[in-house]
Amino acid sequence: VQLVESGGGLVQPGGSLRLSCAASGFAFSTYHMNWYRQVPGKEREMVASIDSVGELPAYLDSVKGRFTISRDNTKNMVYLQMNSLKLEDTAVYYCNVYHEWRGDVWGQGTQVTVSS
């Protein structure tokens, strides 16, 4: 089971980024997928989740209306479109799946820095 994130970077407040997560080693289309983020010294928090068929997305209150999670089951990819980025969105973002044999599986993370 492997998750590989990409798409992070430096962006000005109000800007946009699209994170991608490539999944492999498991039946991707049957699993809920999640995006988390973590700031040094704080616990990792779930930002968004999506069910196996790409419906019923859920979001952290502070990102509702700005972030959109989506997935492409034909490509084993999950995305996080982030618009109207704020300074407080700065964090390392992680792709996550809970696998019944492996437990929580995490990618290596991708740094998102919002700064003027």
N, C-alpha and C. Protein backbone atom coordinates (compact mmCIF):
# COMPACT_ATOMS: atom_id res chain seq x y z
N VAL A 1 0.86 -1.18 0.00
CA VAL A 1 0.00 0.00 0.00
C VAL A 1 0.89 1.23 0.00
N GLN A 2 0.71 2.10 -0.97
CA GLN A 2 1.57 3.27 -1.07
C GLN A 2 0.77 4.48 -1.51
N LEU A 3 1.09 5.62 -0.89
CA LEU A 3 0.49 6.89 -1.26
C LEU A 3 1.61 7.89 -1.51
N VAL A 4 1.53 8.62 -2.61
CA VAL A 4 2.56 9.60 -2.95
C VAL A 4 1.89 10.92 -3.29
N GLU A 5 2.14 11.94 -2.48
CA GLU A 5 1.55 13.26 -2.69
C GLU A 5 2.46 14.11 -3.56
N SER A 6 1.86 15.07 -4.22
CA SER A 6 2.59 16.06 -4.99
C SER A 6 1.74 17.31 -5.11
N GLY A 7 2.38 18.41 -5.54
CA GLY A 7 1.63 19.61 -5.83
C GLY A 7 1.76 20.73 -4.82
N GLY A 8 2.48 20.48 -3.73
CA GLY A 8 2.66 21.55 -2.75
C GLY A 8 3.59 22.63 -3.28
N GLY A 9 3.71 23.70 -2.50
CA GLY A 9 4.60 24.77 -2.90
C GLY A 9 4.33 26.03 -2.12
N LEU A 10 4.90 27.12 -2.61
CA LEU A 10 4.76 28.44 -2.01
C LEU A 10 3.74 29.23 -2.80
N VAL A 11 2.78 29.81 -2.12
CA VAL A 11 1.74 30.58 -2.78
C VAL A 11 1.39 31.78 -1.92
N GLN A 12 0.96 32.85 -2.57
CA GLN A 12 0.56 34.05 -1.84
C GLN A 12 -0.85 33.88 -1.28
N PRO A 13 -1.18 34.61 -0.22
CA PRO A 13 -2.56 34.57 0.28
C PRO A 13 -3.54 34.89 -0.84
N GLY A 14 -4.62 34.12 -0.86
CA GLY A 14 -5.61 34.27 -1.91
C GLY A 14 -5.36 33.40 -3.12
N GLY A 15 -4.20 32.78 -3.17
CA GLY A 15 -3.86 31.94 -4.31
C GLY A 15 -4.43 30.55 -4.21
N SER A 16 -4.07 29.73 -5.20
CA SER A 16 -4.60 28.37 -5.29
C SER A 16 -3.48 27.36 -5.50
N LEU A 17 -3.73 26.16 -5.05
CA LEU A 17 -2.87 25.02 -5.31
C LEU A 17 -3.75 23.79 -5.46
N ARG A 18 -3.25 22.84 -6.23
CA ARG A 18 -3.94 21.56 -6.36
C ARG A 18 -2.99 20.45 -5.94
N LEU A 19 -3.34 19.76 -4.89
CA LEU A 19 -2.55 18.63 -4.43
C LEU A 19 -3.07 17.35 -5.09
N SER A 20 -2.14 16.46 -5.37
CA SER A 20 -2.49 15.16 -5.95
C SER A 20 -1.91 14.05 -5.09
N CYS A 21 -2.59 12.93 -5.08
CA CYS A 21 -2.12 11.76 -4.35
C CYS A 21 -2.29 10.54 -5.24
N ALA A 22 -1.18 9.89 -5.54
CA ALA A 22 -1.21 8.67 -6.34
C ALA A 22 -1.20 7.47 -5.41
N ALA A 23 -2.19 6.60 -5.56
CA ALA A 23 -2.34 5.44 -4.69
C ALA A 23 -2.00 4.16 -5.44
N SER A 24 -1.42 3.21 -4.74
CA SER A 24 -1.12 1.92 -5.35
C SER A 24 -1.07 0.84 -4.28
N GLY A 25 -1.24 -0.39 -4.73
CA GLY A 25 -1.10 -1.53 -3.82
C GLY A 25 -2.35 -1.96 -3.09
N PHE A 26 -3.47 -1.34 -3.43
CA PHE A 26 -4.72 -1.74 -2.81
C PHE A 26 -5.87 -1.40 -3.76
N ALA A 27 -7.04 -1.91 -3.44
CA ALA A 27 -8.22 -1.70 -4.28
C ALA A 27 -8.77 -0.30 -4.05
N PHE A 28 -8.12 0.66 -4.66
CA PHE A 28 -8.37 2.08 -4.41
C PHE A 28 -9.85 2.44 -4.49
N SER A 29 -10.54 1.93 -5.47
CA SER A 29 -11.92 2.35 -5.71
C SER A 29 -12.89 1.88 -4.64
N THR A 30 -12.43 1.09 -3.69
CA THR A 30 -13.32 0.60 -2.63
C THR A 30 -13.06 1.28 -1.29
N TYR A 31 -12.14 2.24 -1.24
CA TYR A 31 -11.75 2.87 0.02
C TYR A 31 -12.08 4.35 0.06
N HIS A 32 -12.54 4.78 1.24
CA HIS A 32 -12.57 6.21 1.53
C HIS A 32 -11.15 6.74 1.53
N MET A 33 -11.00 7.98 1.09
CA MET A 33 -9.68 8.61 1.09
C MET A 33 -9.76 9.93 1.85
N ASN A 34 -8.65 10.31 2.44
CA ASN A 34 -8.62 11.50 3.28
C ASN A 34 -7.39 12.35 2.99
N TRP A 35 -7.54 13.63 3.25
CA TRP A 35 -6.41 14.56 3.29
C TRP A 35 -6.31 15.10 4.72
N TYR A 36 -5.11 15.08 5.27
CA TYR A 36 -4.82 15.65 6.57
C TYR A 36 -3.76 16.73 6.40
N ARG A 37 -3.59 17.52 7.43
CA ARG A 37 -2.48 18.47 7.45
C ARG A 37 -1.94 18.57 8.87
N GLN A 38 -0.69 18.98 8.94
CA GLN A 38 -0.03 19.09 10.24
C GLN A 38 0.92 20.27 10.25
N VAL A 39 0.84 21.03 11.34
CA VAL A 39 1.74 22.13 11.61
C VAL A 39 2.66 21.69 12.74
N PRO A 40 3.93 22.04 12.68
CA PRO A 40 4.85 21.63 13.77
C PRO A 40 4.30 22.01 15.13
N GLY A 41 4.33 21.02 16.05
CA GLY A 41 3.86 21.27 17.40
C GLY A 41 2.39 21.05 17.61
N LYS A 42 1.68 20.75 16.53
CA LYS A 42 0.23 20.51 16.63
C LYS A 42 -0.10 19.12 16.11
N GLU A 43 -1.28 18.64 16.52
CA GLU A 43 -1.72 17.34 16.04
C GLU A 43 -2.15 17.43 14.57
N ARG A 44 -2.02 16.29 13.92
CA ARG A 44 -2.48 16.21 12.54
C ARG A 44 -4.01 16.31 12.54
N GLU A 45 -4.57 17.07 11.60
CA GLU A 45 -6.02 17.24 11.54
C GLU A 45 -6.53 16.88 10.15
N MET A 46 -7.73 16.28 10.14
CA MET A 46 -8.33 15.92 8.86
C MET A 46 -8.89 17.16 8.19
N VAL A 47 -8.52 17.35 6.96
CA VAL A 47 -8.96 18.50 6.19
C VAL A 47 -10.18 18.15 5.34
N ALA A 48 -10.14 16.99 4.70
CA ALA A 48 -11.22 16.59 3.81
C ALA A 48 -11.22 15.08 3.65
N SER A 49 -12.40 14.53 3.38
CA SER A 49 -12.51 13.11 3.11
C SER A 49 -13.53 12.89 2.01
N ILE A 50 -13.42 11.75 1.36
CA ILE A 50 -14.33 11.43 0.27
C ILE A 50 -14.58 9.93 0.26
N ASP A 51 -15.81 9.55 -0.06
CA ASP A 51 -16.11 8.12 -0.04
C ASP A 51 -15.59 7.45 -1.31
N SER A 52 -15.82 6.15 -1.38
CA SER A 52 -15.18 5.35 -2.43
C SER A 52 -15.64 5.72 -3.83
N VAL A 53 -16.85 6.24 -3.96
CA VAL A 53 -17.37 6.57 -5.29
C VAL A 53 -17.33 8.06 -5.58
N GLY A 54 -16.69 8.82 -4.72
CA GLY A 54 -16.53 10.24 -4.98
C GLY A 54 -17.69 11.10 -4.57
N GLU A 55 -18.51 10.57 -3.72
CA GLU A 55 -19.64 11.35 -3.22
C GLU A 55 -19.44 11.63 -1.74
N LEU A 56 -20.32 12.36 -1.17
CA LEU A 56 -20.34 12.67 0.26
C LEU A 56 -19.01 13.21 0.77
N PRO A 57 -18.45 14.23 0.12
CA PRO A 57 -17.24 14.82 0.67
C PRO A 57 -17.52 15.50 2.00
N ALA A 58 -16.52 15.51 2.85
CA ALA A 58 -16.63 16.18 4.14
C ALA A 58 -15.39 17.05 4.34
N TYR A 59 -15.58 18.17 5.04
CA TYR A 59 -14.50 19.14 5.17
C TYR A 59 -14.38 19.66 6.59
N LEU A 60 -13.16 20.00 6.95
CA LEU A 60 -12.90 20.78 8.15
C LEU A 60 -13.62 22.11 8.00
N ASP A 61 -14.24 22.58 9.08
CA ASP A 61 -15.03 23.81 8.97
C ASP A 61 -14.24 24.97 8.38
N SER A 62 -12.99 25.08 8.76
CA SER A 62 -12.21 26.24 8.35
C SER A 62 -11.86 26.24 6.86
N VAL A 63 -12.08 25.13 6.16
CA VAL A 63 -11.76 25.08 4.72
C VAL A 63 -13.00 24.95 3.85
N LYS A 64 -14.16 24.82 4.47
CA LYS A 64 -15.39 24.70 3.69
C LYS A 64 -15.58 25.89 2.78
N GLY A 65 -15.95 25.60 1.54
CA GLY A 65 -16.15 26.65 0.56
C GLY A 65 -14.87 27.08 -0.14
N ARG A 66 -13.72 26.62 0.34
CA ARG A 66 -12.44 26.99 -0.28
C ARG A 66 -11.72 25.77 -0.85
N PHE A 67 -11.85 24.63 -0.21
CA PHE A 67 -11.17 23.41 -0.63
C PHE A 67 -12.18 22.45 -1.24
N THR A 68 -11.74 21.68 -2.22
CA THR A 68 -12.58 20.65 -2.83
C THR A 68 -11.77 19.38 -2.99
N ILE A 69 -12.29 18.29 -2.44
CA ILE A 69 -11.66 16.99 -2.60
C ILE A 69 -12.36 16.24 -3.73
N SER A 70 -11.57 15.53 -4.52
CA SER A 70 -12.14 14.74 -5.61
C SER A 70 -11.24 13.53 -5.84
N ARG A 71 -11.75 12.62 -6.64
CA ARG A 71 -10.96 11.42 -6.93
C ARG A 71 -11.25 10.92 -8.34
N ASP A 72 -10.29 10.19 -8.88
CA ASP A 72 -10.46 9.56 -10.18
C ASP A 72 -10.11 8.09 -10.00
N ASN A 73 -11.14 7.26 -9.91
CA ASN A 73 -10.91 5.84 -9.65
C ASN A 73 -10.30 5.11 -10.85
N THR A 74 -10.33 5.73 -12.02
CA THR A 74 -9.70 5.11 -13.19
C THR A 74 -8.19 5.30 -13.15
N LYS A 75 -7.74 6.29 -12.38
CA LYS A 75 -6.31 6.60 -12.30
C LYS A 75 -5.73 6.36 -10.92
N ASN A 76 -6.56 5.91 -9.98
CA ASN A 76 -6.12 5.73 -8.58
C ASN A 76 -5.52 7.02 -8.01
N MET A 77 -6.25 8.11 -8.22
CA MET A 77 -5.78 9.42 -7.79
C MET A 77 -6.83 10.09 -6.92
N VAL A 78 -6.36 10.83 -5.94
CA VAL A 78 -7.24 11.70 -5.17
C VAL A 78 -6.60 13.10 -5.16
N TYR A 79 -7.44 14.11 -5.20
CA TYR A 79 -6.98 15.49 -5.36
C TYR A 79 -7.54 16.37 -4.24
N LEU A 80 -6.84 17.45 -4.00
CA LEU A 80 -7.35 18.49 -3.11
C LEU A 80 -7.10 19.83 -3.79
N GLN A 81 -8.17 20.42 -4.27
CA GLN A 81 -8.09 21.75 -4.86
C GLN A 81 -8.25 22.76 -3.74
N MET A 82 -7.29 23.63 -3.60
CA MET A 82 -7.29 24.61 -2.51
C MET A 82 -7.30 26.01 -3.10
N ASN A 83 -8.37 26.72 -2.85
CA ASN A 83 -8.52 28.09 -3.35
C ASN A 83 -8.58 29.07 -2.18
N SER A 84 -8.38 30.33 -2.48
CA SER A 84 -8.45 31.38 -1.46
C SER A 84 -7.60 31.01 -0.25
N LEU A 85 -6.39 30.60 -0.51
CA LEU A 85 -5.53 30.13 0.57
C LEU A 85 -5.21 31.24 1.55
N LYS A 86 -5.12 30.84 2.80
CA LYS A 86 -4.84 31.77 3.89
C LYS A 86 -3.51 31.39 4.56
N LEU A 87 -2.96 32.33 5.30
CA LEU A 87 -1.71 32.06 5.99
C LEU A 87 -1.82 30.83 6.88
N GLU A 88 -2.98 30.66 7.49
CA GLU A 88 -3.16 29.55 8.43
C GLU A 88 -3.33 28.20 7.75
N ASP A 89 -3.36 28.18 6.44
CA ASP A 89 -3.38 26.91 5.71
C ASP A 89 -1.98 26.32 5.54
N THR A 90 -0.98 27.09 5.92
CA THR A 90 0.39 26.59 5.83
C THR A 90 0.56 25.36 6.70
N ALA A 91 1.03 24.27 6.09
CA ALA A 91 1.17 22.99 6.79
C ALA A 91 1.78 21.98 5.83
N VAL A 92 2.12 20.83 6.38
CA VAL A 92 2.42 19.68 5.55
C VAL A 92 1.12 18.91 5.35
N TYR A 93 0.79 18.64 4.11
CA TYR A 93 -0.46 17.96 3.78
C TYR A 93 -0.16 16.49 3.45
N TYR A 94 -1.00 15.62 4.02
CA TYR A 94 -0.80 14.17 3.87
C TYR A 94 -2.05 13.53 3.28
N CYS A 95 -1.83 12.62 2.39
CA CYS A 95 -2.88 11.74 1.89
C CYS A 95 -2.97 10.54 2.84
N ASN A 96 -4.18 10.04 3.04
CA ASN A 96 -4.36 8.96 4.03
C ASN A 96 -5.45 8.00 3.59
N VAL A 97 -5.22 6.74 3.92
CA VAL A 97 -6.26 5.72 3.77
C VAL A 97 -6.18 4.81 4.99
N TYR A 98 -7.33 4.39 5.47
CA TYR A 98 -7.34 3.37 6.51
C TYR A 98 -7.56 2.03 5.84
N HIS A 99 -6.55 1.19 5.92
CA HIS A 99 -6.59 -0.13 5.29
C HIS A 99 -6.84 -1.18 6.37
N GLU A 100 -7.69 -2.16 6.06
CA GLU A 100 -8.10 -3.09 7.11
C GLU A 100 -6.95 -3.96 7.62
N TRP A 101 -5.89 -4.14 6.81
CA TRP A 101 -4.75 -4.93 7.29
C TRP A 101 -3.59 -4.06 7.71
N ARG A 102 -3.44 -2.90 7.11
CA ARG A 102 -2.28 -2.05 7.36
C ARG A 102 -2.58 -0.93 8.35
N GLY A 103 -3.86 -0.75 8.67
CA GLY A 103 -4.20 0.39 9.52
C GLY A 103 -4.10 1.68 8.74
N ASP A 104 -3.78 2.76 9.44
CA ASP A 104 -3.62 4.05 8.78
C ASP A 104 -2.34 4.04 7.93
N VAL A 105 -2.51 4.39 6.67
CA VAL A 105 -1.38 4.51 5.76
C VAL A 105 -1.25 5.96 5.33
N TRP A 106 -0.03 6.47 5.36
CA TRP A 106 0.23 7.87 5.05
C TRP A 106 1.22 8.01 3.91
N GLY A 107 1.07 9.07 3.15
CA GLY A 107 2.09 9.43 2.20
C GLY A 107 3.22 10.15 2.91
N GLN A 108 4.19 10.62 2.12
CA GLN A 108 5.36 11.29 2.70
C GLN A 108 5.06 12.74 3.06
N GLY A 109 3.95 13.25 2.55
CA GLY A 109 3.56 14.63 2.81
C GLY A 109 4.10 15.59 1.77
N THR A 110 3.38 16.69 1.60
CA THR A 110 3.82 17.75 0.70
C THR A 110 3.61 19.08 1.41
N GLN A 111 4.63 19.92 1.36
CA GLN A 111 4.60 21.20 2.09
C GLN A 111 3.81 22.24 1.31
N VAL A 112 2.88 22.87 2.00
CA VAL A 112 2.15 24.01 1.46
C VAL A 112 2.49 25.21 2.34
N THR A 113 3.02 26.24 1.71
CA THR A 113 3.38 27.46 2.44
C THR A 113 2.64 28.63 1.81
N VAL A 114 1.84 29.30 2.62
CA VAL A 114 1.11 30.48 2.18
C VAL A 114 1.78 31.69 2.82
N SER A 115 2.35 32.52 2.00
CA SER A 115 3.11 33.65 2.51
C SER A 115 3.15 34.77 1.49
N SER A 116 3.16 36.00 1.98
CA SER A 116 3.29 37.14 1.08
C SER A 116 4.75 37.55 0.97
